[in-house]
Each structure stands twice: as C-alpha cells, then as structure tokens.
Amino acid sequence: YLIRLANQRLQVERSIENPLAILENVDNIFVQLNDPELIPVRRALAEDIAALRMTGKIDREGIFLELEAISASIKDLSIIEPANQTDTAKPVAYESDQTPSLLDSFERFSQKLGQLIVVQKRQQPIEPLLTSNEQSIIQNNLYLLLEQAQSALLKEEQIIYSTSLEKTAALLARYFQLNSQSQALIERLTILAERSVIQGLPDISGSVAAVQTMLTLRQNRISEGEQEQ
C-alpha cells in the first residue's frame, strides 16, 4: 500500500519529497522484518529511492515568491522622464565705459552657447512621454505578465512562463529609467526566464512490481501447501 501510495503521490504532486520519504519508510519496515525473502524487493526499492534522489528538484515555491517580490517592487520604479532643462542664459552685462570688440563678443557668445547645449546618450530609443493613464496601463501589464508567469510555473508551462518574463523585462527596459534598481530586476527576470519549470519524474514502479511478485510467490506456496495437506 505504501509503495503504491508513493507512486500516486509522485504523479499527482509532481514532487519528489513525499514519495522519497514514503519509500524510505518502507525500507525501514523491511529492515525491521529482517526477512531474506524481501532481498529482491529491497533491491528494487533501493533503485527507486536512488532514482528519486538523483532527480533534480524544481523550487517552484521559491520562484513563485521571488516573482511576487519583483511584482511588489515595480511600484517603486521611475517612468522615463524628460531631461532637466538647463537654466536660460543670463544677459551679459558690459561696463558702460567699455565697448567690447567683435572677437570678445563672439567668444562670450560661444561660451554661453556651450552652456546651453547638453548632450545625453541613451542605449535605447527615446519613447514619447507617457500620460498618467498610460503609466498605469504599463504597470498593470507588468503585474498581469508576472501573474501569468506564476500560473505557468505551477502548471509547468515552460513557453508561457519564459515568454511572460521576457516581455516583462522588455517593458521595464523600454519605459523605465535604467538605474541600478531597474537593471537588477531586468537581469534577474532574464535569469528566471531561462530556468526550467518542468519537473522530471523518474519511474519508481520497479518496487511495486517486486512486491507484487513476492506476494504472488508467497501465495502460490501457501496454496501448494494447502493442497498437499
């Protein structure tokens, strides 16, 4: 019963922890029985336990909670804003008793013009400024994409999970200020998008078959003994 339960838990829960604990408990029961006839069963059981231990574990809970934290931090990010305007040039005051030469006037004009021109470089195209309603739409889209990724994580839908996180990272890079905070979120989303969310499940039916074979042989011996009597 316990071995069958372990197989059912593996298929339903798609997690190795509970099935592994059940099979280890079964092995302890066999140790206490100390029955030589159980050696073939224990051999098959040991193979199933080893298969479970060697299976990589998908930390769905950890990924789910991290996506929840990323979603909560979006409200603290800054939408792209226009560059700060520089102060207007102040008029040049001349002494009443001095008449500047044409060369002096040109040099002063060049200096003031250099103060007015500000060159800023950006790694991505400048998007039109967003209204408050448009900003809310962008943020809501981010929340929905993260929720979609969480749902796909629980359902082991790899394509939907990865695509949702890639779109989230793209929106952050396009519409938000690229500071240390937003850059860290983008990098983390990129890493999470590359993770596999499909839990591999080993075949642990060998121990079930071994127990069934042992029970059949024992039942046959009992039947033969009753016939001889």
Protein backbone atom coordinates (compact mmCIF):
# COMPACT_ATOMS: atom_id res chain seq x y z
CA TYR A 1 0.00 0.00 0.00
CA LEU A 2 2.75 2.46 0.91
CA ILE A 3 4.70 1.78 -2.27
CA ARG A 4 1.59 2.32 -4.39
CA LEU A 5 0.90 5.49 -2.43
CA ALA A 6 4.40 6.77 -3.25
CA ASN A 7 3.75 6.23 -6.97
CA GLN A 8 0.42 8.05 -6.76
CA ARG A 9 1.93 10.98 -4.85
CA LEU A 10 4.67 11.29 -7.46
CA GLN A 11 2.19 11.60 -10.32
CA VAL A 12 -0.30 13.86 -8.54
CA GLU A 13 2.04 16.19 -6.63
CA ARG A 14 4.86 16.11 -9.22
CA SER A 15 7.30 16.44 -6.35
CA ILE A 16 9.92 14.00 -5.09
CA GLU A 17 9.91 14.83 -1.37
CA ASN A 18 6.86 12.88 -0.21
CA PRO A 19 7.40 9.81 -2.44
CA LEU A 20 11.00 9.63 -1.28
CA ALA A 21 10.02 9.83 2.39
CA ILE A 22 7.42 7.07 1.91
CA LEU A 23 9.83 4.70 0.19
CA GLU A 24 12.49 5.31 2.84
CA ASN A 25 9.89 4.47 5.48
CA VAL A 26 9.07 1.23 3.62
CA ASP A 27 12.75 0.30 3.58
CA ASN A 28 12.95 0.82 7.35
CA ILE A 29 9.98 -1.55 7.75
CA PHE A 30 11.81 -4.16 5.68
CA VAL A 31 14.89 -3.76 7.89
CA GLN A 32 12.79 -4.47 10.97
CA LEU A 33 11.18 -7.53 9.36
CA ASN A 34 14.62 -8.99 8.59
CA ASP A 35 13.14 -11.42 6.06
CA PRO A 36 15.59 -12.92 3.48
CA GLU A 37 12.73 -13.26 1.00
CA LEU A 38 12.49 -9.48 0.88
CA ILE A 39 16.01 -9.02 -0.55
CA PRO A 40 14.78 -8.79 -4.20
CA VAL A 41 12.13 -6.31 -3.10
CA ARG A 42 14.67 -4.22 -1.20
CA ARG A 43 16.95 -4.23 -4.26
CA ALA A 44 14.17 -2.83 -6.44
CA LEU A 45 13.22 -0.39 -3.69
CA ALA A 46 16.82 0.83 -3.42
CA GLU A 47 16.87 1.51 -7.18
CA ASP A 48 13.67 3.56 -6.95
CA ILE A 49 14.98 5.52 -3.96
CA ALA A 50 18.22 6.25 -5.83
CA ALA A 51 16.24 7.43 -8.87
CA LEU A 52 14.28 9.86 -6.72
CA ARG A 53 17.40 11.20 -5.02
CA MET A 54 19.10 11.79 -8.37
CA THR A 55 16.16 13.72 -9.81
CA GLY A 56 16.64 17.47 -9.91
CA LYS A 57 14.14 19.46 -7.85
CA ILE A 58 12.27 22.46 -9.23
CA ASP A 59 11.92 25.01 -6.42
CA ARG A 60 8.50 26.24 -7.52
CA GLU A 61 7.76 27.84 -4.16
CA GLY A 62 10.99 29.85 -4.23
CA ILE A 63 10.48 31.06 -7.81
CA PHE A 64 6.83 31.94 -7.10
CA LEU A 65 7.77 34.04 -4.07
CA GLU A 66 10.57 35.79 -5.95
CA LEU A 67 8.17 36.78 -8.74
CA GLU A 68 5.82 38.08 -6.07
CA ALA A 69 8.62 40.25 -4.65
CA ILE A 70 9.50 41.58 -8.11
CA SER A 71 5.85 42.49 -8.70
CA ALA A 72 5.73 44.37 -5.39
CA SER A 73 8.87 46.39 -6.25
CA ILE A 74 7.57 47.66 -9.61
CA LYS A 75 5.64 50.49 -7.94
CA ASP A 76 8.95 51.93 -6.72
CA LEU A 77 10.46 52.23 -10.22
CA SER A 78 10.59 55.53 -12.10
CA ILE A 79 8.99 56.01 -15.50
CA ILE A 80 11.18 57.71 -18.13
CA GLU A 81 11.03 61.47 -17.68
CA PRO A 82 12.31 64.33 -19.84
CA ALA A 83 15.82 65.57 -19.22
CA ASN A 84 16.17 68.52 -16.86
CA GLN A 85 16.11 71.79 -18.64
CA THR A 86 19.19 73.95 -18.15
CA ASP A 87 18.92 77.46 -16.91
CA THR A 88 18.41 80.08 -19.56
CA ALA A 89 21.40 82.15 -20.42
CA LYS A 90 21.82 85.25 -18.37
CA PRO A 91 22.40 88.51 -20.24
CA VAL A 92 26.00 89.67 -20.38
CA ALA A 93 26.50 92.96 -18.65
CA TYR A 94 29.00 95.36 -20.08
CA GLU A 95 30.57 98.30 -18.39
CA SER A 96 29.13 101.50 -19.72
CA ASP A 97 32.55 102.91 -20.45
CA GLN A 98 33.79 99.83 -22.34
CA THR A 99 32.91 98.78 -25.85
CA PRO A 100 33.69 95.05 -26.46
CA SER A 101 35.46 94.14 -29.61
CA LEU A 102 33.82 91.84 -32.16
CA LEU A 103 36.18 88.99 -31.19
CA ASP A 104 35.35 89.33 -27.47
CA SER A 105 31.64 89.29 -28.23
CA PHE A 106 31.98 86.14 -30.32
CA GLU A 107 33.95 84.34 -27.57
CA ARG A 108 31.33 85.25 -24.96
CA PHE A 109 28.56 84.06 -27.27
CA SER A 110 30.35 80.73 -27.84
CA GLN A 111 30.78 80.17 -24.11
CA LYS A 112 27.10 80.86 -23.39
CA LEU A 113 26.04 78.64 -26.27
CA GLY A 114 28.18 75.79 -24.89
CA GLN A 115 26.43 76.11 -21.55
CA LEU A 116 23.03 75.77 -23.19
CA ILE A 117 23.79 72.61 -25.15
CA VAL A 118 23.61 69.36 -23.14
CA VAL A 119 24.40 66.05 -24.85
CA GLN A 120 22.92 62.90 -23.26
CA LYS A 121 23.49 59.35 -24.51
CA ARG A 122 20.95 56.57 -24.10
CA GLN A 123 21.28 52.92 -25.07
CA GLN A 124 17.68 52.67 -26.32
CA PRO A 125 15.39 54.89 -28.43
CA ILE A 126 13.67 57.67 -26.58
CA GLU A 127 9.98 56.91 -26.19
CA PRO A 128 7.31 59.61 -26.13
CA LEU A 129 6.43 60.76 -22.63
CA LEU A 130 3.57 58.79 -21.08
CA THR A 131 0.49 60.24 -19.51
CA SER A 132 -0.53 59.12 -16.04
CA ASN A 133 -3.16 56.81 -17.54
CA GLU A 134 -0.62 55.26 -19.87
CA GLN A 135 1.77 54.75 -16.97
CA SER A 136 -0.95 52.90 -15.06
CA ILE A 137 -1.60 50.71 -18.09
CA ILE A 138 2.09 49.81 -18.37
CA GLN A 139 2.31 48.93 -14.68
CA ASN A 140 -0.87 46.83 -14.83
CA ASN A 141 0.52 44.98 -17.84
CA LEU A 142 3.64 44.18 -15.84
CA TYR A 143 1.55 42.84 -12.96
CA LEU A 144 -0.51 40.69 -15.33
CA LEU A 145 2.58 39.28 -17.03
CA LEU A 146 4.10 38.31 -13.69
CA GLU A 147 0.86 36.68 -12.57
CA GLN A 148 0.76 34.80 -15.86
CA ALA A 149 4.31 33.60 -15.27
CA GLN A 150 3.36 32.39 -11.77
CA SER A 151 0.39 30.47 -13.14
CA ALA A 152 2.53 28.90 -15.88
CA LEU A 153 5.12 27.98 -13.24
CA LEU A 154 2.57 25.99 -11.24
CA LYS A 155 1.21 24.32 -14.40
CA GLU A 156 4.73 23.59 -15.75
CA GLU A 157 4.01 25.51 -18.97
CA GLN A 158 7.56 26.38 -19.97
CA ILE A 159 6.90 28.51 -23.07
CA ILE A 160 4.26 30.72 -21.40
CA TYR A 161 6.44 31.09 -18.29
CA SER A 162 9.59 32.14 -20.16
CA THR A 163 7.77 34.38 -22.65
CA SER A 164 5.93 36.24 -19.87
CA LEU A 165 9.16 37.04 -18.04
CA GLU A 166 10.93 38.09 -21.25
CA LYS A 167 8.08 40.50 -22.04
CA THR A 168 8.23 41.87 -18.50
CA ALA A 169 11.96 42.56 -18.83
CA ALA A 170 11.41 44.22 -22.23
CA LEU A 171 8.75 46.59 -20.83
CA LEU A 172 10.99 47.55 -17.93
CA ALA A 173 13.87 48.34 -20.29
CA ARG A 174 11.63 50.34 -22.63
CA TYR A 175 9.57 52.51 -20.32
CA PHE A 176 11.51 52.81 -17.05
CA GLN A 177 14.62 54.69 -16.02
CA LEU A 178 17.64 52.42 -16.37
CA ASN A 179 19.07 52.80 -12.88
CA SER A 180 20.62 50.19 -10.61
CA GLN A 181 17.22 49.06 -9.29
CA SER A 182 15.52 48.52 -12.64
CA GLN A 183 18.67 46.99 -14.12
CA ALA A 184 18.83 44.46 -11.28
CA LEU A 185 15.21 43.46 -11.88
CA ILE A 186 15.80 43.06 -15.62
CA GLU A 187 18.86 40.88 -15.05
CA ARG A 188 17.00 38.73 -12.51
CA LEU A 189 13.99 38.30 -14.81
CA THR A 190 16.33 37.21 -17.60
CA ILE A 191 17.88 34.56 -15.36
CA LEU A 192 14.50 33.31 -14.15
CA ALA A 193 13.16 33.12 -17.71
CA GLU A 194 15.91 30.64 -18.59
CA ARG A 195 15.02 28.25 -15.76
CA SER A 196 13.20 25.02 -16.48
CA VAL A 197 9.85 24.72 -14.70
CA ILE A 198 9.09 21.17 -15.84
CA GLN A 199 9.73 18.70 -13.02
CA GLY A 200 11.30 15.49 -14.25
CA LEU A 201 9.67 12.37 -12.79
CA PRO A 202 11.56 9.06 -12.52
CA ASP A 203 9.95 5.66 -12.94
CA ILE A 204 9.55 4.12 -9.46
CA SER A 205 7.28 1.27 -10.47
CA GLY A 206 10.03 -1.33 -10.03
CA SER A 207 9.41 -1.72 -6.31
CA VAL A 208 5.66 -2.14 -6.90
CA ALA A 209 6.32 -4.96 -9.37
CA ALA A 210 8.82 -6.59 -7.00
CA VAL A 211 6.36 -6.56 -4.09
CA GLN A 212 3.63 -7.96 -6.31
CA THR A 213 5.93 -10.75 -7.48
CA MET A 214 6.91 -11.57 -3.91
CA LEU A 215 3.25 -11.69 -2.80
CA THR A 216 2.34 -13.89 -5.75
CA LEU A 217 5.13 -16.39 -4.99
CA ARG A 218 4.20 -16.48 -1.33
CA GLN A 219 0.53 -17.02 -2.15
CA ASN A 220 1.48 -19.84 -4.52
CA ARG A 221 3.50 -21.57 -1.82
CA ILE A 222 0.60 -21.26 0.60
CA SER A 223 -1.79 -22.70 -1.96
CA GLU A 224 0.56 -25.59 -2.72
CA GLY A 225 0.91 -26.35 0.99
CA GLU A 226 -2.83 -26.44 1.47
CA GLN A 227 -3.20 -28.81 -1.48
CA GLU A 228 -0.56 -31.18 -0.06
CA GLN A 229 -2.46 -31.31 3.23
